[in-house]
């Protein structure tokens, strides 16, 4: 039997990048159209910073089996759009029973989670804190600080991602806003639509 070779990947907190990675992608503000409630504020952001990087991910993928773990680092810019903090697109795993962990390295962030039937959980993530995202939860990262949010992550390599689940429901059930006092608040998203019973059954059945 041929064994995989061990691999060392260094986390650079300063740059928010994973060394010795084999994957790297960036999302620019121009890629995030439709995510924020205040479209006029987003248009202003686009005019000023549309081609700048909003967040980026570097990762190492050792293989494609459930026993392989993808590891990586995500770095997100600080800021807001009309008071709504910068966020990632968010996703659920295509194989719904796969979990994920996030380990805070720098900055102040939130992990926004939503169950298929619309329950909401918000977990604050800071340096040297670990957020466990259980199976079947939709999740996205939000930067609520004044500096880059840097987090390490790991999840089974066969998980896959469904990025369209949030768009199909008109966004996530709540939006995260600056409370004007250095913190955050959640408000209901009036555009959110409950998922159908068939979609919920499909999600819960999406196991490897």
C-alpha atoms as a PDB file:
ATOM      1  CA  UNK A   1       0.000   0.000   0.000  1.00  0.00           C
ATOM      2  CA  UNK A   2       1.326   3.456  -0.936  1.00  0.00           C
ATOM      3  CA  UNK A   3       0.924   6.002   1.833  1.00  0.00           C
ATOM      4  CA  UNK A   4       0.421   9.701   1.271  1.00  0.00           C
ATOM      5  CA  UNK A   5       3.373  11.875   2.121  1.00  0.00           C
ATOM      6  CA  UNK A   6       2.970  14.265   5.074  1.00  0.00           C
ATOM      7  CA  UNK A   7       2.914  17.945   4.172  1.00  0.00           C
ATOM      8  CA  UNK A   8       3.717  21.098   6.129  1.00  0.00           C
ATOM      9  CA  UNK A   9       1.750  24.264   5.318  1.00  0.00           C
ATOM     10  CA  UNK A  10       2.603  27.527   7.060  1.00  0.00           C
ATOM     11  CA  UNK A  11      -0.081  30.056   7.992  1.00  0.00           C
ATOM     12  CA  UNK A  12       0.934  33.682   7.477  1.00  0.00           C
ATOM     13  CA  UNK A  13      -1.264  35.744   9.766  1.00  0.00           C
ATOM     14  CA  UNK A  14       0.182  38.949   8.298  1.00  0.00           C
ATOM     15  CA  UNK A  15      -0.799  38.170   4.692  1.00  0.00           C
ATOM     16  CA  UNK A  16      -3.694  35.811   5.413  1.00  0.00           C
ATOM     17  CA  UNK A  17      -2.235  33.156   3.113  1.00  0.00           C
ATOM     18  CA  UNK A  18      -1.362  29.468   3.412  1.00  0.00           C
ATOM     19  CA  UNK A  19       2.178  28.570   2.419  1.00  0.00           C
ATOM     20  CA  UNK A  20       2.861  25.403   0.412  1.00  0.00           C
ATOM     21  CA  UNK A  21      -0.737  25.496  -0.834  1.00  0.00           C
ATOM     22  CA  UNK A  22      -1.944  24.058  -4.143  1.00  0.00           C
ATOM     23  CA  UNK A  23      -5.147  26.086  -4.470  1.00  0.00           C
ATOM     24  CA  UNK A  24      -5.827  29.829  -4.513  1.00  0.00           C
ATOM     25  CA  UNK A  25      -8.838  31.890  -5.530  1.00  0.00           C
ATOM     26  CA  UNK A  26      -9.979  35.472  -5.028  1.00  0.00           C
ATOM     27  CA  UNK A  27     -13.368  37.129  -4.963  1.00  0.00           C
ATOM     28  CA  UNK A  28     -13.451  40.770  -5.974  1.00  0.00           C
ATOM     29  CA  UNK A  29     -16.193  43.156  -4.905  1.00  0.00           C
ATOM     30  CA  UNK A  30     -17.484  42.999  -8.485  1.00  0.00           C
ATOM     31  CA  UNK A  31     -18.167  39.277  -7.919  1.00  0.00           C
ATOM     32  CA  UNK A  32     -20.508  39.966  -4.995  1.00  0.00           C
ATOM     33  CA  UNK A  33     -23.361  41.763  -6.744  1.00  0.00           C
ATOM     34  CA  UNK A  34     -26.736  40.966  -5.205  1.00  0.00           C
ATOM     35  CA  UNK A  35     -25.467  39.978  -1.768  1.00  0.00           C
ATOM     36  CA  UNK A  36     -26.161  43.268   0.014  1.00  0.00           C
ATOM     37  CA  UNK A  37     -29.500  44.912   0.773  1.00  0.00           C
ATOM     38  CA  UNK A  38     -28.427  48.479  -0.072  1.00  0.00           C
ATOM     39  CA  UNK A  39     -27.889  48.383  -3.846  1.00  0.00           C
ATOM     40  CA  UNK A  40     -27.044  52.108  -4.060  1.00  0.00           C
ATOM     41  CA  UNK A  41     -24.301  51.700  -1.441  1.00  0.00           C
ATOM     42  CA  UNK A  42     -22.986  48.672  -3.324  1.00  0.00           C
ATOM     43  CA  UNK A  43     -22.899  50.702  -6.563  1.00  0.00           C
ATOM     44  CA  UNK A  44     -20.761  53.305  -4.777  1.00  0.00           C
ATOM     45  CA  UNK A  45     -18.440  50.565  -3.535  1.00  0.00           C
ATOM     46  CA  UNK A  46     -18.216  49.192  -7.062  1.00  0.00           C
ATOM     47  CA  UNK A  47     -17.251  52.592  -8.454  1.00  0.00           C
ATOM     48  CA  UNK A  48     -14.468  52.963  -5.890  1.00  0.00           C
ATOM     49  CA  UNK A  49     -13.234  49.403  -5.296  1.00  0.00           C
ATOM     50  CA  UNK A  50     -14.978  47.074  -7.734  1.00  0.00           C
ATOM     51  CA  UNK A  51     -11.810  45.305  -8.901  1.00  0.00           C
ATOM     52  CA  UNK A  52     -10.194  45.077  -5.469  1.00  0.00           C
ATOM     53  CA  UNK A  53     -10.065  41.718  -3.670  1.00  0.00           C
ATOM     54  CA  UNK A  54     -12.863  41.359  -1.108  1.00  0.00           C
ATOM     55  CA  UNK A  55     -11.652  37.992   0.187  1.00  0.00           C
ATOM     56  CA  UNK A  56      -9.311  35.214  -0.890  1.00  0.00           C
ATOM     57  CA  UNK A  57      -8.727  31.579  -0.068  1.00  0.00           C
ATOM     58  CA  UNK A  58      -5.562  29.484  -0.230  1.00  0.00           C
ATOM     59  CA  UNK A  59      -5.790  25.746   0.375  1.00  0.00           C
ATOM     60  CA  UNK A  60      -4.165  22.337   0.193  1.00  0.00           C
ATOM     61  CA  UNK A  61      -6.127  19.328  -1.103  1.00  0.00           C
ATOM     62  CA  UNK A  62      -4.387  15.977  -0.460  1.00  0.00           C
ATOM     63  CA  UNK A  63      -6.981  13.881  -2.307  1.00  0.00           C
ATOM     64  CA  UNK A  64     -10.688  13.492  -3.008  1.00  0.00           C
ATOM     65  CA  UNK A  65     -11.746  10.863  -0.452  1.00  0.00           C
ATOM     66  CA  UNK A  66     -13.874  11.490   2.634  1.00  0.00           C
ATOM     67  CA  UNK A  67     -10.801  10.526   4.675  1.00  0.00           C
ATOM     68  CA  UNK A  68      -8.787  13.348   3.057  1.00  0.00           C
ATOM     69  CA  UNK A  69      -9.013  16.761   4.698  1.00  0.00           C
ATOM     70  CA  UNK A  70      -8.863  19.968   2.713  1.00  0.00           C
ATOM     71  CA  UNK A  71      -7.105  22.609   4.809  1.00  0.00           C
ATOM     72  CA  UNK A  72      -6.791  26.283   4.036  1.00  0.00           C
ATOM     73  CA  UNK A  73      -6.841  29.910   5.074  1.00  0.00           C
ATOM     74  CA  UNK A  74      -9.352  32.608   4.225  1.00  0.00           C
ATOM     75  CA  UNK A  75      -8.655  36.343   4.459  1.00  0.00           C
ATOM     76  CA  UNK A  76     -11.392  38.989   4.272  1.00  0.00           C
ATOM     77  CA  UNK A  77     -11.207  42.775   4.040  1.00  0.00           C
ATOM     78  CA  UNK A  78     -12.930  44.900   6.709  1.00  0.00           C
ATOM     79  CA  UNK A  79     -15.752  47.285   5.864  1.00  0.00           C
ATOM     80  CA  UNK A  80     -19.471  47.484   5.203  1.00  0.00           C
ATOM     81  CA  UNK A  81     -22.029  48.236   2.525  1.00  0.00           C
ATOM     82  CA  UNK A  82     -24.728  50.569   3.802  1.00  0.00           C
ATOM     83  CA  UNK A  83     -23.978  49.393   7.343  1.00  0.00           C
ATOM     84  CA  UNK A  84     -24.011  45.683   6.392  1.00  0.00           C
ATOM     85  CA  UNK A  85     -20.666  44.111   7.191  1.00  0.00           C
ATOM     86  CA  UNK A  86     -18.524  42.555   4.459  1.00  0.00           C
ATOM     87  CA  UNK A  87     -19.350  38.873   3.997  1.00  0.00           C
ATOM     88  CA  UNK A  88     -18.572  35.828   1.893  1.00  0.00           C
ATOM     89  CA  UNK A  89     -21.012  34.274  -0.567  1.00  0.00           C
ATOM     90  CA  UNK A  90     -21.614  31.357   1.775  1.00  0.00           C
ATOM     91  CA  UNK A  91     -22.543  27.760   0.983  1.00  0.00           C
ATOM     92  CA  UNK A  92     -23.769  24.416   2.203  1.00  0.00           C
ATOM     93  CA  UNK A  93     -21.808  21.280   1.475  1.00  0.00           C
ATOM     94  CA  UNK A  94     -23.100  19.362  -1.530  1.00  0.00           C
ATOM     95  CA  UNK A  95     -22.831  16.258   0.641  1.00  0.00           C
ATOM     96  CA  UNK A  96     -24.888  17.695   3.445  1.00  0.00           C
ATOM     97  CA  UNK A  97     -23.596  15.491   6.251  1.00  0.00           C
ATOM     98  CA  UNK A  98     -20.042  16.868   6.024  1.00  0.00           C
ATOM     99  CA  UNK A  99     -18.899  19.262   8.806  1.00  0.00           C
ATOM    100  CA  UNK A 100     -16.276  22.019   8.781  1.00  0.00           C
ATOM    101  CA  UNK A 101     -14.099  23.765  11.346  1.00  0.00           C
ATOM    102  CA  UNK A 102     -12.829  27.341  11.347  1.00  0.00           C
ATOM    103  CA  UNK A 103      -9.922  28.430  13.535  1.00  0.00           C
ATOM    104  CA  UNK A 104      -9.556  32.186  14.089  1.00  0.00           C
ATOM    105  CA  UNK A 105      -6.094  33.585  13.423  1.00  0.00           C
ATOM    106  CA  UNK A 106      -6.595  37.381  13.379  1.00  0.00           C
ATOM    107  CA  UNK A 107      -9.403  39.932  13.413  1.00  0.00           C
ATOM    108  CA  UNK A 108     -13.016  39.763  14.582  1.00  0.00           C
ATOM    109  CA  UNK A 109     -15.587  37.784  12.707  1.00  0.00           C
ATOM    110  CA  UNK A 110     -18.855  35.916  12.789  1.00  0.00           C
ATOM    111  CA  UNK A 111     -19.853  32.561  11.407  1.00  0.00           C
ATOM    112  CA  UNK A 112     -23.452  32.962  10.284  1.00  0.00           C
ATOM    113  CA  UNK A 113     -25.255  29.630  10.084  1.00  0.00           C
ATOM    114  CA  UNK A 114     -28.726  28.629   8.972  1.00  0.00           C
ATOM    115  CA  UNK A 115     -30.415  25.248   9.028  1.00  0.00           C
ATOM    116  CA  UNK A 116     -32.342  24.082   5.943  1.00  0.00           C
ATOM    117  CA  UNK A 117     -35.641  24.978   7.652  1.00  0.00           C
ATOM    118  CA  UNK A 118     -34.439  28.459   8.642  1.00  0.00           C
ATOM    119  CA  UNK A 119     -33.082  28.262  12.186  1.00  0.00           C
ATOM    120  CA  UNK A 120     -30.320  30.851  12.738  1.00  0.00           C
ATOM    121  CA  UNK A 121     -27.103  30.519  14.727  1.00  0.00           C
ATOM    122  CA  UNK A 122     -24.383  33.189  14.989  1.00  0.00           C
ATOM    123  CA  UNK A 123     -20.962  32.366  16.485  1.00  0.00           C
ATOM    124  CA  UNK A 124     -18.271  34.969  17.114  1.00  0.00           C
ATOM    125  CA  UNK A 125     -14.797  33.963  15.945  1.00  0.00           C
ATOM    126  CA  UNK A 126     -11.605  35.641  17.156  1.00  0.00           C
ATOM    127  CA  UNK A 127      -7.937  34.712  17.410  1.00  0.00           C
ATOM    128  CA  UNK A 128      -7.324  31.211  18.801  1.00  0.00           C
ATOM    129  CA  UNK A 129     -11.005  30.299  18.821  1.00  0.00           C
ATOM    130  CA  UNK A 130     -12.515  27.377  16.928  1.00  0.00           C
ATOM    131  CA  UNK A 131     -15.978  27.325  15.379  1.00  0.00           C
ATOM    132  CA  UNK A 132     -17.394  23.908  14.550  1.00  0.00           C
ATOM    133  CA  UNK A 133     -19.970  23.995  11.752  1.00  0.00           C
ATOM    134  CA  UNK A 134     -22.017  20.790  12.060  1.00  0.00           C
ATOM    135  CA  UNK A 135     -23.381  18.840   9.097  1.00  0.00           C
ATOM    136  CA  UNK A 136     -26.325  20.307   7.156  1.00  0.00           C
ATOM    137  CA  UNK A 137     -25.777  23.945   8.173  1.00  0.00           C
ATOM    138  CA  UNK A 138     -25.514  26.681   5.539  1.00  0.00           C
ATOM    139  CA  UNK A 139     -22.680  29.005   6.572  1.00  0.00           C
ATOM    140  CA  UNK A 140     -20.886  32.203   5.653  1.00  0.00           C
ATOM    141  CA  UNK A 141     -18.144  34.328   7.231  1.00  0.00           C
ATOM    142  CA  UNK A 142     -18.586  37.988   8.166  1.00  0.00           C
ATOM    143  CA  UNK A 143     -15.878  40.492   9.133  1.00  0.00           C
ATOM    144  CA  UNK A 144     -17.145  42.704  11.980  1.00  0.00           C
ATOM    145  CA  UNK A 145     -13.744  44.183  12.846  1.00  0.00           C
ATOM    146  CA  UNK A 146     -11.584  47.038  11.608  1.00  0.00           C
ATOM    147  CA  UNK A 147      -8.770  44.793  10.298  1.00  0.00           C
ATOM    148  CA  UNK A 148      -8.495  41.729   8.069  1.00  0.00           C
ATOM    149  CA  UNK A 149     -10.319  38.632   9.275  1.00  0.00           C
ATOM    150  CA  UNK A 150      -8.025  35.614   8.917  1.00  0.00           C
ATOM    151  CA  UNK A 151      -9.252  32.073   9.618  1.00  0.00           C
ATOM    152  CA  UNK A 152      -7.902  28.590   9.001  1.00  0.00           C
ATOM    153  CA  UNK A 153     -10.438  25.948   7.933  1.00  0.00           C
ATOM    154  CA  UNK A 154     -10.660  22.186   7.362  1.00  0.00           C
ATOM    155  CA  UNK A 155     -13.332  19.893   5.931  1.00  0.00           C
ATOM    156  CA  UNK A 156     -13.618  16.465   4.250  1.00  0.00           C
ATOM    157  CA  UNK A 157     -12.322  16.599   0.683  1.00  0.00           C
ATOM    158  CA  UNK A 158     -15.424  15.026  -0.868  1.00  0.00           C
ATOM    159  CA  UNK A 159     -17.809  17.605   0.657  1.00  0.00           C
ATOM    160  CA  UNK A 160     -18.389  19.796  -2.363  1.00  0.00           C
ATOM    161  CA  UNK A 161     -20.177  23.153  -2.158  1.00  0.00           C
ATOM    162  CA  UNK A 162     -23.599  24.410  -3.152  1.00  0.00           C
ATOM    163  CA  UNK A 163     -23.282  28.201  -3.449  1.00  0.00           C
ATOM    164  CA  UNK A 164     -26.734  28.672  -4.989  1.00  0.00           C
ATOM    165  CA  UNK A 165     -28.739  27.634  -1.936  1.00  0.00           C
ATOM    166  CA  UNK A 166     -28.592  31.135  -0.430  1.00  0.00           C
ATOM    167  CA  UNK A 167     -29.569  32.895  -3.657  1.00  0.00           C
ATOM    168  CA  UNK A 168     -32.493  30.510  -4.175  1.00  0.00           C
ATOM    169  CA  UNK A 169     -33.947  31.615  -0.826  1.00  0.00           C
ATOM    170  CA  UNK A 170     -33.466  35.343  -1.401  1.00  0.00           C
ATOM    171  CA  UNK A 171     -30.447  35.493   0.896  1.00  0.00           C
ATOM    172  CA  UNK A 172     -29.957  34.227   4.431  1.00  0.00           C
ATOM    173  CA  UNK A 173     -32.740  34.740   6.950  1.00  0.00           C
ATOM    174  CA  UNK A 174     -30.990  37.580   8.803  1.00  0.00           C
ATOM    175  CA  UNK A 175     -28.552  40.312   7.814  1.00  0.00           C
ATOM    176  CA  UNK A 176     -25.676  41.433  10.037  1.00  0.00           C
ATOM    177  CA  UNK A 177     -25.348  45.200  10.502  1.00  0.00           C
ATOM    178  CA  UNK A 178     -23.110  47.624  12.374  1.00  0.00           C
ATOM    179  CA  UNK A 179     -24.984  48.590  15.546  1.00  0.00           C
ATOM    180  CA  UNK A 180     -23.295  51.983  15.681  1.00  0.00           C
ATOM    181  CA  UNK A 181     -21.592  51.181  18.984  1.00  0.00           C
ATOM    182  CA  UNK A 182     -18.666  49.089  17.814  1.00  0.00           C
ATOM    183  CA  UNK A 183     -20.682  45.891  17.701  1.00  0.00           C
ATOM    184  CA  UNK A 184     -23.218  44.173  15.496  1.00  0.00           C
ATOM    185  CA  UNK A 185     -26.905  43.391  15.312  1.00  0.00           C
ATOM    186  CA  UNK A 186     -29.008  41.028  13.281  1.00  0.00           C
ATOM    187  CA  UNK A 187     -32.138  42.102  11.420  1.00  0.00           C
ATOM    188  CA  UNK A 188     -34.671  40.047   9.529  1.00  0.00           C
ATOM    189  CA  UNK A 189     -34.179  39.818   5.773  1.00  0.00           C
ATOM    190  CA  UNK A 190     -37.586  40.620   4.221  1.00  0.00           C
ATOM    191  CA  UNK A 191     -36.559  38.949   0.947  1.00  0.00           C
ATOM    192  CA  UNK A 192     -35.892  35.568   2.577  1.00  0.00           C
ATOM    193  CA  UNK A 193     -38.105  32.712   1.397  1.00  0.00           C
ATOM    194  CA  UNK A 194     -38.531  29.409   3.261  1.00  0.00           C
ATOM    195  CA  UNK A 195     -37.191  26.379   1.417  1.00  0.00           C
ATOM    196  CA  UNK A 196     -39.666  23.878   0.085  1.00  0.00           C
ATOM    197  CA  UNK A 197     -40.195  20.549   1.794  1.00  0.00           C
ATOM    198  CA  UNK A 198     -38.714  18.819  -1.256  1.00  0.00           C
ATOM    199  CA  UNK A 199     -35.525  20.914  -1.098  1.00  0.00           C
ATOM    200  CA  UNK A 200     -35.126  20.264   2.626  1.00  0.00           C
ATOM    201  CA  UNK A 201     -35.543  16.511   2.065  1.00  0.00           C
ATOM    202  CA  UNK A 202     -32.983  16.692  -0.754  1.00  0.00           C
ATOM    203  CA  UNK A 203     -30.465  18.491   1.493  1.00  0.00           C
ATOM    204  CA  UNK A 204     -30.880  16.063   4.362  1.00  0.00           C
ATOM    205  CA  UNK A 205     -30.487  13.155   1.967  1.00  0.00           C
ATOM    206  CA  UNK A 206     -27.327  14.542   0.352  1.00  0.00           C
ATOM    207  CA  UNK A 207     -24.866  12.227   2.046  1.00  0.00           C
ATOM    208  CA  UNK A 208     -21.968  10.305   0.573  1.00  0.00           C
END
